[in-house]
Every structure is written in C-alpha cells, then in structure tokens.
Amino acid sequence: MRRLLILASTMVFFDVAFYAAIAPLLPHYVSEFGLSEAQAGILQASYAAGTLAVSLPAGILAARIGPRSTVVTGLGLFGVSGLVFGFGNEIMLLDVARFCQGAAGALIWSGAFAWLIAEYPPERRGAVIGTVIGTAVAGALFGPLLGGVAAQIGTEPVFALVTVVAGVMAVLALRTPEIGVSEAQGLRSALMAMSNRPIVLATAFVAVPSLTAGAIEVLVPLRIDHLGGSSTLIAGGFVIGAGIEAVFAPISGRYSDRAGRRAPYVAGIAVSAVAMVGIAAAQSLGVVLGSLFIVALGAGLSFTPAITLLSEAGEAARLHEGFAAGLSNVAWASGQVVGAVLGGGLATVVGFAVPGLVVAALLAATAIYAAASLERGYPQPVSAE
C-alpha cells in the first residue's frame, strides 16, 4: 500500500505543479496578448473547466476499466497537452491546452483517489488523503517556481518536461499492482447514490474552499502586479502559501481521524473568510501577501476533512470509489471555475474589493452551516477499534 501512496502522491504533485505554474505567468500573458482581467480569469479557469467537464466521465471510467488504466490514460493526455501549452503562441490555443490539461488531471485524480480509497481502511483514510493533499500542495509550492523560471527562459523547455514526467509516471503506474478495487457500478445506481443528501452537502463542502482558491489565484497575482509587485514576488508569495497549506493538510487529516471532520473544516473556512476580507481591503503588498498566507492556512485545515467526508458519505451510500473520486473532482473544478471567473469578472467591472467581500460572505455562511449540519450526524470517522 505504501508504494501506491507514494505513486499517487507523486502523480498529483506533478499535476498540480504544472497547473500552478500559471500564477507568475499571468501578468506576462496579460501583457503579451492584451488580456483583460476577465480574459485572464478565463485562462486561469480553463484548467478547472476541463477538470469539471471530465470529472464524472473519469469516475465512470475508473469504475469500468479500473483506476490504473484511468490514471495511465490521464497521463498520456497530460503529456501531450502540456507540450502544446508550452509551445502555443495564441491565446485560444493556450485556453484549449489548459482545458485538456484539466481533463487529464481529472483522469489522474479520479483514478488515484479511487485506487487509494479501495486499498486503505476508513480509519486511516483521513491521514492518507491528508498526505496526498499535502503532497499536491507541495506541487502548488513548486509550480510557481516553474512558472517563474518559464517567465525568464521561456515556456517551451519548462513545459516540455511535462511529456517526460508523464511518461515516467505511466510506466510506474503500469508496474503497480491493482488490488482491492470493487466491482463496477451501474450509472443509474451511482446517480441515485449521488442524490443522497449527505453526499450533496459533502460535495458542496469541497466546492467552497475550491471557489476561494480559484478567486485567489486570479485576484492575488493581478493585485500584486497592480501594486507594483514583480512575477518573482508573486511566485514567492504562492510558494510560501503552498508551504503553509502542505504542512497543515496532513495534520488536519490525522486530527480529523481522531476527532471528526467538523472542527478542522469549520476552523479552516472561518480563517479563510477573515483573510478574504483582508484581501478585499488591502492597499499594500504586505497586506495582500499576509492575507494570502492566512487563506493558505485555512485551505490546509479545510480541504482534507472535506474530501474525506465526501469519501465516507459515498461509502455509506454504497457509491463506487471511482464515482466518489469523480464527485470530488467535480466539486473542486466547479469551485475553481466559479471562483476564477467571478473574481476576474467582478474585478474588471467593480474593482478588487467586491469579489473578495463576496467570497468572504460565502465562506462565513458555509462555516455557520457546516458547524450546525455536521453536528447533526453526518458521517464521522470509523473507529479503528
């Protein structure tokens, strides 16, 4: 099982790294192609849009052909689309390439999480998911460094690495045994399970911090650039923020295995709400960066228990692990798309303050609702005893 955990963590690390590399490149693309804030938000959101479009099909694929084959398919698409993005010189081509990268990411994540959920018992699931999320966030830490390098030497050599990395990961996946995966589930049965209220709410609990991340990834780079900050400062800010999230994700997962998912999730959402107010009101680079770090802390606390809660709700409803992983991707991607488009669109029309306040209000409402609803008997961790 440890070999599988290392493989899954490595795959999501590189997937997120190349996804996050866009942050320090956004001002470059805005300047080169004359993009508005809304168009920059579309470029940022294209990856998540691809993930959203393919998440449920990826879950179906994982349930039908198995997680390993799903992962290998995703790695193949990821290598090709990354190469196109690196050498693309038209904004539409870059949008399409990012969309295909997101689709590949959906296949990789759905396959990897379905594989892990099938292999690990419920009493260890929070820790395992926290480890993978922490590694993914480490990829988010590494990604801006890649983007910063690409801004200096060009995107071609940096994104050409995608093809090499994807090929190596595919070979390793094919050599890893696939054990413990449950039999395929019919689509009708899966859709009935997905309508289960705990699953619907758990999906929403994943989507809300994802929406925050989507908004942050547009608002913060553009705000730093507006205040005179460089692409290096943007990369550095996201690196530190990702480091904070990477540290707290596995801690939150282990804690939630012992004490339940409610406390770390609500705390993380509440902390993020406060930070979004800071971003909305920021008039200096220091305040923007400090608020970014606090949002990262909130994400580190909230993402792991939310995803673990969704897997538990799916298990309670007898939903195949492939579909549960697909739903997690749907929640993440829909939040990312809405957050990026909402953040960029509102910033274009009414400035940077309003989108930050809108997201803060949503986070506050979610924290209040989650504190009440999770207390009323939503799935709690299974005792190891």
Protein backbone atom coordinates (compact mmCIF):
# COMPACT_ATOMS: atom_id res chain seq x y z
CA MET A 1 0.00 0.00 0.00
CA ARG A 2 2.88 2.33 0.71
CA ARG A 3 4.10 2.01 -2.87
CA LEU A 4 0.67 3.06 -4.11
CA LEU A 5 0.57 6.03 -1.75
CA ILE A 6 3.97 7.21 -3.00
CA LEU A 7 2.92 6.80 -6.63
CA ALA A 8 -0.41 8.60 -6.16
CA SER A 9 1.28 11.43 -4.26
CA THR A 10 3.93 11.82 -6.97
CA MET A 11 1.36 11.94 -9.76
CA VAL A 12 -0.76 14.61 -8.12
CA PHE A 13 2.38 16.54 -7.17
CA PHE A 14 3.38 16.99 -10.80
CA ASP A 15 -0.19 17.55 -11.96
CA VAL A 16 -0.66 20.40 -9.51
CA ALA A 17 2.85 21.77 -10.12
CA PHE A 18 2.20 22.37 -13.81
CA TYR A 19 -1.29 23.66 -13.03
CA ALA A 20 0.07 26.18 -10.51
CA ALA A 21 2.88 27.33 -12.79
CA ILE A 22 0.41 29.73 -14.44
CA ALA A 23 0.30 32.17 -11.49
CA PRO A 24 3.55 34.10 -12.17
CA LEU A 25 2.91 33.83 -15.92
CA LEU A 26 -0.49 35.57 -15.82
CA PRO A 27 0.90 39.14 -15.95
CA HIS A 28 3.16 38.05 -18.84
CA TYR A 29 0.18 36.73 -20.82
CA VAL A 30 -1.88 39.81 -19.95
CA SER A 31 0.88 41.99 -21.39
CA GLU A 32 1.66 39.81 -24.43
CA PHE A 33 -1.92 39.23 -25.56
CA GLY A 34 -3.54 42.41 -24.14
CA LEU A 35 -5.90 40.44 -21.91
CA SER A 36 -8.47 41.97 -19.57
CA GLU A 37 -8.87 40.70 -16.01
CA ALA A 38 -11.85 38.64 -17.19
CA GLN A 39 -9.82 37.06 -20.02
CA ALA A 40 -7.02 36.29 -17.58
CA GLY A 41 -9.62 34.64 -15.36
CA ILE A 42 -10.76 32.51 -18.31
CA LEU A 43 -7.18 31.36 -18.96
CA GLN A 44 -6.79 30.51 -15.29
CA ALA A 45 -10.17 28.77 -15.19
CA SER A 46 -9.68 26.73 -18.38
CA TYR A 47 -7.81 24.03 -16.49
CA ALA A 48 -10.56 23.70 -13.91
CA ALA A 49 -13.19 23.79 -16.67
CA GLY A 50 -11.52 20.77 -18.28
CA THR A 51 -11.48 19.00 -14.94
CA LEU A 52 -15.16 19.80 -14.43
CA ALA A 53 -16.15 18.53 -17.86
CA VAL A 54 -14.34 15.21 -17.47
CA SER A 55 -14.70 14.52 -13.72
CA LEU A 56 -17.83 12.35 -13.88
CA PRO A 57 -16.73 10.58 -17.07
CA ALA A 58 -13.42 9.92 -15.29
CA GLY A 59 -15.33 8.43 -12.37
CA ILE A 60 -17.28 6.21 -14.77
CA LEU A 61 -14.05 5.18 -16.44
CA ALA A 62 -12.41 4.34 -13.11
CA ALA A 63 -15.43 2.24 -12.20
CA ARG A 64 -15.50 0.45 -15.57
CA ILE A 65 -11.86 -0.13 -16.59
CA GLY A 66 -10.18 0.32 -13.20
CA PRO A 67 -8.17 3.11 -11.55
CA ARG A 68 -4.81 2.11 -13.04
CA SER A 69 -5.96 2.29 -16.66
CA THR A 70 -7.72 5.59 -15.91
CA VAL A 71 -4.52 7.05 -14.48
CA VAL A 72 -2.43 5.93 -17.47
CA THR A 73 -4.95 7.46 -19.90
CA GLY A 74 -4.80 10.74 -18.00
CA LEU A 75 -1.01 10.78 -18.00
CA GLY A 76 -0.94 10.36 -21.78
CA LEU A 77 -3.29 13.30 -22.33
CA PHE A 78 -1.40 15.35 -19.75
CA GLY A 79 1.91 14.92 -21.58
CA VAL A 80 0.52 15.98 -24.96
CA SER A 81 -1.48 18.98 -23.71
CA GLY A 82 1.44 20.25 -21.62
CA LEU A 83 3.66 20.26 -24.68
CA VAL A 84 1.04 22.21 -26.67
CA PHE A 85 0.71 24.78 -23.89
CA GLY A 86 4.45 25.30 -23.72
CA PHE A 87 4.78 25.97 -27.46
CA GLY A 88 1.43 27.73 -28.05
CA ASN A 89 1.52 31.35 -29.23
CA GLU A 90 -2.19 32.19 -29.47
CA ILE A 91 -4.49 32.76 -26.51
CA MET A 92 -7.21 30.44 -27.83
CA LEU A 93 -4.68 27.63 -28.22
CA LEU A 94 -3.46 28.22 -24.67
CA ASP A 95 -7.04 28.13 -23.37
CA VAL A 96 -7.66 24.81 -25.16
CA ALA A 97 -4.38 23.33 -23.94
CA ARG A 98 -5.17 24.31 -20.36
CA PHE A 99 -8.63 22.77 -20.75
CA CYS A 100 -7.08 19.48 -21.91
CA GLN A 101 -4.59 19.57 -19.03
CA GLY A 102 -7.53 19.89 -16.67
CA ALA A 103 -9.27 16.94 -18.32
CA ALA A 104 -6.11 14.90 -17.89
CA GLY A 105 -5.93 15.98 -14.26
CA ALA A 106 -9.48 14.71 -13.70
CA LEU A 107 -8.48 11.28 -15.00
CA ILE A 108 -5.33 11.21 -12.87
CA TRP A 109 -7.06 12.34 -9.66
CA SER A 110 -10.14 10.15 -10.11
CA GLY A 111 -8.01 7.10 -10.78
CA ALA A 112 -5.54 7.81 -8.00
CA PHE A 113 -8.17 8.53 -5.32
CA ALA A 114 -10.34 5.58 -6.33
CA TRP A 115 -7.25 3.39 -6.05
CA LEU A 116 -6.41 4.73 -2.59
CA ILE A 117 -9.99 4.59 -1.24
CA ALA A 118 -10.21 0.94 -2.32
CA GLU A 119 -6.90 -0.01 -0.71
CA TYR A 120 -7.00 1.81 2.64
CA PRO A 121 -9.43 1.18 5.55
CA PRO A 122 -11.73 4.03 6.72
CA GLU A 123 -9.87 4.59 9.99
CA ARG A 124 -6.71 5.56 8.06
CA ARG A 125 -8.39 7.46 5.24
CA GLY A 126 -8.07 10.97 6.66
CA ALA A 127 -4.34 10.53 7.18
CA VAL A 128 -3.85 9.05 3.70
CA ILE A 129 -5.91 11.71 1.94
CA GLY A 130 -4.15 14.36 4.00
CA THR A 131 -0.78 13.02 2.85
CA VAL A 132 -1.82 13.15 -0.80
CA ILE A 133 -3.34 16.61 -0.42
CA GLY A 134 -0.21 17.80 1.36
CA THR A 135 1.93 16.45 -1.47
CA ALA A 136 -0.37 18.05 -4.03
CA VAL A 137 0.00 21.36 -2.24
CA ALA A 138 3.77 20.86 -2.29
CA GLY A 139 3.26 20.67 -6.05
CA ALA A 140 1.47 24.00 -5.81
CA LEU A 141 4.55 25.25 -3.97
CA PHE A 142 6.84 24.00 -6.72
CA GLY A 143 4.57 25.19 -9.54
CA PRO A 144 5.14 28.94 -9.14
CA LEU A 145 8.88 28.28 -9.19
CA LEU A 146 8.42 26.56 -12.55
CA GLY A 147 6.30 29.47 -13.72
CA GLY A 148 8.91 31.95 -12.55
CA VAL A 149 11.61 30.06 -14.46
CA ALA A 150 9.36 29.89 -17.53
CA ALA A 151 8.82 33.66 -17.35
CA GLN A 152 12.60 34.10 -17.52
CA ILE A 153 13.76 31.44 -20.02
CA GLY A 154 10.55 30.71 -21.96
CA THR A 155 7.68 28.27 -21.59
CA GLU A 156 8.94 25.80 -24.20
CA PRO A 157 11.67 23.99 -22.23
CA VAL A 158 9.77 24.12 -18.93
CA PHE A 159 6.52 22.67 -20.23
CA ALA A 160 8.34 20.14 -22.41
CA LEU A 161 9.19 18.48 -19.11
CA VAL A 162 5.51 17.51 -18.83
CA THR A 163 5.91 14.88 -21.54
CA VAL A 164 8.92 13.32 -19.86
CA VAL A 165 7.35 13.28 -16.41
CA ALA A 166 4.05 11.88 -17.70
CA GLY A 167 5.84 9.05 -19.50
CA VAL A 168 7.81 8.04 -16.41
CA MET A 169 4.69 8.10 -14.21
CA ALA A 170 2.75 5.98 -16.71
CA VAL A 171 5.43 3.28 -16.66
CA LEU A 172 5.44 3.25 -12.86
CA ALA A 173 1.64 3.04 -12.73
CA LEU A 174 1.60 0.08 -15.11
CA ARG A 175 4.06 -1.72 -12.83
CA THR A 176 1.99 -1.17 -9.67
CA PRO A 177 -0.45 -3.98 -8.73
CA GLU A 178 -4.15 -3.09 -8.68
CA ILE A 179 -5.63 -4.85 -5.63
CA GLY A 180 -8.86 -4.36 -3.69
CA VAL A 181 -10.81 -2.36 -6.28
CA SER A 182 -14.53 -3.15 -6.09
CA GLU A 183 -16.68 -4.31 -8.99
CA ALA A 184 -18.16 -1.85 -11.46
CA GLN A 185 -21.33 0.03 -10.51
CA GLY A 186 -24.10 0.90 -12.94
CA LEU A 187 -24.60 4.55 -13.83
CA ARG A 188 -28.23 4.56 -12.67
CA SER A 189 -27.29 3.15 -9.28
CA ALA A 190 -24.46 5.66 -8.98
CA LEU A 191 -26.69 8.63 -9.83
CA MET A 192 -29.22 7.52 -7.21
CA ALA A 193 -26.46 7.35 -4.62
CA MET A 194 -25.16 10.79 -5.62
CA SER A 195 -28.55 12.31 -4.84
CA ASN A 196 -28.14 11.25 -1.22
CA ARG A 197 -28.27 14.43 0.90
CA PRO A 198 -25.02 13.83 2.85
CA ILE A 199 -23.19 13.33 -0.46
CA VAL A 200 -24.66 16.51 -1.94
CA LEU A 201 -23.66 18.55 1.10
CA ALA A 202 -20.21 16.97 1.33
CA THR A 203 -19.67 17.86 -2.33
CA ALA A 204 -20.64 21.46 -1.57
CA PHE A 205 -18.23 21.48 1.38
CA VAL A 206 -15.41 20.62 -1.04
CA ALA A 207 -16.55 23.19 -3.61
CA VAL A 208 -16.49 26.22 -1.28
CA PRO A 209 -12.76 26.24 -0.41
CA SER A 210 -12.10 25.39 -4.07
CA LEU A 211 -14.02 28.52 -5.12
CA THR A 212 -11.86 30.52 -2.74
CA ALA A 213 -8.71 29.10 -4.29
CA GLY A 214 -9.94 29.92 -7.80
CA ALA A 215 -10.62 33.53 -6.83
CA ILE A 216 -7.29 33.87 -5.03
CA GLU A 217 -5.32 32.55 -8.00
CA VAL A 218 -6.69 35.38 -10.16
CA LEU A 219 -7.10 38.24 -7.69
CA VAL A 220 -3.80 37.97 -5.84
CA PRO A 221 -1.42 37.89 -8.87
CA LEU A 222 -3.27 40.75 -10.56
CA ARG A 223 -3.49 42.74 -7.33
CA ILE A 224 0.23 42.32 -6.64
CA ASP A 225 1.00 43.37 -10.22
CA HIS A 226 -1.31 46.41 -9.84
CA LEU A 227 0.54 47.43 -6.68
CA GLY A 228 3.91 47.23 -8.43
CA GLY A 229 5.00 43.74 -7.40
CA SER A 230 7.04 41.51 -9.71
CA SER A 231 6.41 38.00 -11.04
CA THR A 232 9.12 36.85 -8.64
CA LEU A 233 7.17 38.28 -5.70
CA ILE A 234 4.00 36.57 -6.95
CA ALA A 235 5.83 33.26 -7.24
CA GLY A 236 7.38 33.68 -3.79
CA GLY A 237 4.04 34.50 -2.19
CA PHE A 238 2.37 31.43 -3.64
CA VAL A 239 5.36 29.26 -2.72
CA ILE A 240 5.13 30.29 0.93
CA GLY A 241 1.35 29.93 0.93
CA ALA A 242 1.58 26.45 -0.59
CA GLY A 243 4.17 25.52 2.02
CA ILE A 244 1.80 26.52 4.79
CA GLU A 245 -1.04 24.51 3.27
CA ALA A 246 1.22 21.49 2.69
CA VAL A 247 2.19 21.43 6.37
CA PHE A 248 -1.35 21.69 7.72
CA ALA A 249 -3.16 19.32 5.31
CA PRO A 250 -1.78 16.05 6.76
CA ILE A 251 -2.05 17.40 10.31
CA SER A 252 -5.71 18.21 9.71
CA GLY A 253 -6.27 14.76 8.23
CA ARG A 254 -4.77 12.94 11.20
CA TYR A 255 -6.67 15.11 13.65
CA SER A 256 -9.95 14.54 11.82
CA ASP A 257 -9.41 10.76 12.00
CA ARG A 258 -9.44 11.07 15.80
CA ALA A 259 -11.87 13.90 16.48
CA GLY A 260 -14.17 14.07 13.43
CA ARG A 261 -14.25 16.20 10.31
CA ARG A 262 -16.31 19.10 11.69
CA ALA A 263 -13.82 21.07 13.80
CA PRO A 264 -10.91 21.40 11.33
CA TYR A 265 -13.25 22.11 8.43
CA VAL A 266 -15.19 24.87 10.18
CA ALA A 267 -11.98 26.40 11.57
CA GLY A 268 -10.36 26.45 8.13
CA ILE A 269 -13.38 28.03 6.42
CA ALA A 270 -13.69 30.70 9.12
CA VAL A 271 -9.98 31.58 8.89
CA SER A 272 -10.26 31.88 5.10
CA ALA A 273 -13.26 34.22 5.45
CA VAL A 274 -11.24 36.62 7.60
CA ALA A 275 -8.35 36.53 5.14
CA MET A 276 -10.60 37.32 2.17
CA VAL A 277 -11.73 40.49 3.93
CA GLY A 278 -8.06 41.38 4.24
CA ILE A 279 -7.50 40.87 0.52
CA ALA A 280 -10.56 42.98 -0.28
CA ALA A 281 -9.31 45.86 1.86
CA ALA A 282 -5.59 45.58 1.02
CA GLN A 283 -3.80 48.71 -0.16
CA SER A 284 -0.26 47.40 0.22
CA LEU A 285 1.75 44.39 -0.89
CA GLY A 286 2.33 43.33 2.71
CA VAL A 287 -1.38 43.05 3.46
CA VAL A 288 -2.05 41.13 0.24
CA LEU A 289 0.72 38.64 0.99
CA GLY A 290 -0.25 38.26 4.64
CA SER A 291 -3.85 37.57 3.67
CA LEU A 292 -2.69 35.03 1.07
CA PHE A 293 -0.78 33.15 3.78
CA ILE A 294 -3.84 33.09 6.06
CA VAL A 295 -6.02 31.74 3.24
CA ALA A 296 -3.41 29.02 2.73
CA LEU A 297 -3.68 28.09 6.41
CA GLY A 298 -7.46 27.89 6.11
CA ALA A 299 -7.19 25.70 3.00
CA GLY A 300 -4.77 23.38 4.77
CA LEU A 301 -7.28 22.91 7.58
CA SER A 302 -10.43 22.51 5.47
CA PHE A 303 -9.66 20.59 2.27
CA THR A 304 -8.64 17.26 3.77
CA PRO A 305 -11.64 16.77 6.10
CA ALA A 306 -13.99 17.89 3.31
CA ILE A 307 -12.66 15.33 0.81
CA THR A 308 -12.54 12.61 3.47
CA LEU A 309 -16.12 13.41 4.46
CA LEU A 310 -17.18 13.01 0.82
CA SER A 311 -15.49 9.61 0.58
CA GLU A 312 -17.24 8.49 3.79
CA ALA A 313 -20.61 9.73 2.62
CA GLY A 314 -20.09 7.86 -0.64
CA GLU A 315 -19.16 4.68 1.18
CA ALA A 316 -22.21 4.96 3.42
CA ALA A 317 -24.41 5.30 0.31
CA ARG A 318 -22.62 2.38 -1.42
CA LEU A 319 -21.22 4.63 -4.12
CA HIS A 320 -18.28 3.13 -6.05
CA GLU A 321 -14.97 4.74 -5.11
CA GLY A 322 -14.45 5.83 -8.74
CA PHE A 323 -17.65 7.88 -8.70
CA ALA A 324 -16.78 9.30 -5.27
CA ALA A 325 -13.41 10.43 -6.59
CA GLY A 326 -15.13 11.90 -9.66
CA LEU A 327 -17.51 13.87 -7.44
CA SER A 328 -14.56 15.26 -5.52
CA ASN A 329 -13.10 16.48 -8.80
CA VAL A 330 -16.44 17.98 -9.82
CA ALA A 331 -16.59 19.90 -6.55
CA TRP A 332 -13.02 21.15 -6.86
CA ALA A 333 -13.32 22.09 -10.52
CA SER A 334 -16.69 23.83 -10.28
CA GLY A 335 -15.42 25.86 -7.36
CA GLN A 336 -12.25 26.78 -9.24
CA VAL A 337 -14.16 27.83 -12.36
CA VAL A 338 -16.71 29.92 -10.49
CA GLY A 339 -14.05 31.49 -8.28
CA ALA A 340 -11.71 32.41 -11.14
CA VAL A 341 -14.42 33.74 -13.45
CA LEU A 342 -16.27 35.52 -10.64
CA GLY A 343 -13.06 37.03 -9.29
CA GLY A 344 -11.77 38.17 -12.68
CA GLY A 345 -15.17 39.34 -13.93
CA LEU A 346 -16.08 41.37 -10.86
CA ALA A 347 -12.57 42.83 -10.66
CA THR A 348 -12.93 44.06 -14.25
CA VAL A 349 -16.26 45.77 -13.54
CA VAL A 350 -16.09 46.99 -9.94
CA GLY A 351 -12.50 46.57 -8.77
CA PHE A 352 -10.72 44.14 -6.47
CA ALA A 353 -12.63 44.75 -3.22
CA VAL A 354 -16.08 43.43 -4.19
CA PRO A 355 -15.08 39.88 -5.26
CA GLY A 356 -13.07 39.47 -2.06
CA LEU A 357 -16.05 40.51 0.08
CA VAL A 358 -18.44 38.25 -1.86
CA VAL A 359 -16.19 35.22 -1.29
CA ALA A 360 -15.75 36.18 2.39
CA ALA A 361 -19.53 36.27 2.87
CA LEU A 362 -19.92 32.85 1.23
CA LEU A 363 -17.21 31.40 3.46
CA ALA A 364 -18.79 32.82 6.61
CA ALA A 365 -22.19 31.37 5.69
CA THR A 366 -20.61 27.98 4.93
CA ALA A 367 -18.78 27.90 8.26
CA ILE A 368 -22.01 28.58 10.15
CA TYR A 369 -23.97 25.97 8.20
CA ALA A 370 -21.25 23.31 8.43
CA ALA A 371 -20.94 23.81 12.20
CA ALA A 372 -24.65 23.06 12.55
CA SER A 373 -25.15 20.35 9.90
CA LEU A 374 -22.09 18.26 10.70
CA GLU A 375 -23.13 18.31 14.34
CA ARG A 376 -26.45 16.70 13.38
CA GLY A 377 -24.98 13.37 12.45
CA TYR A 378 -23.13 13.47 9.16
CA PRO A 379 -20.62 10.64 8.69
CA GLN A 380 -17.97 10.53 11.38
CA PRO A 381 -14.68 8.63 11.15
CA VAL A 382 -14.88 4.89 11.68
CA SER A 383 -13.22 3.76 14.88
CA ALA A 384 -10.09 1.69 14.49
CA GLU A 385 -11.11 -0.40 17.47
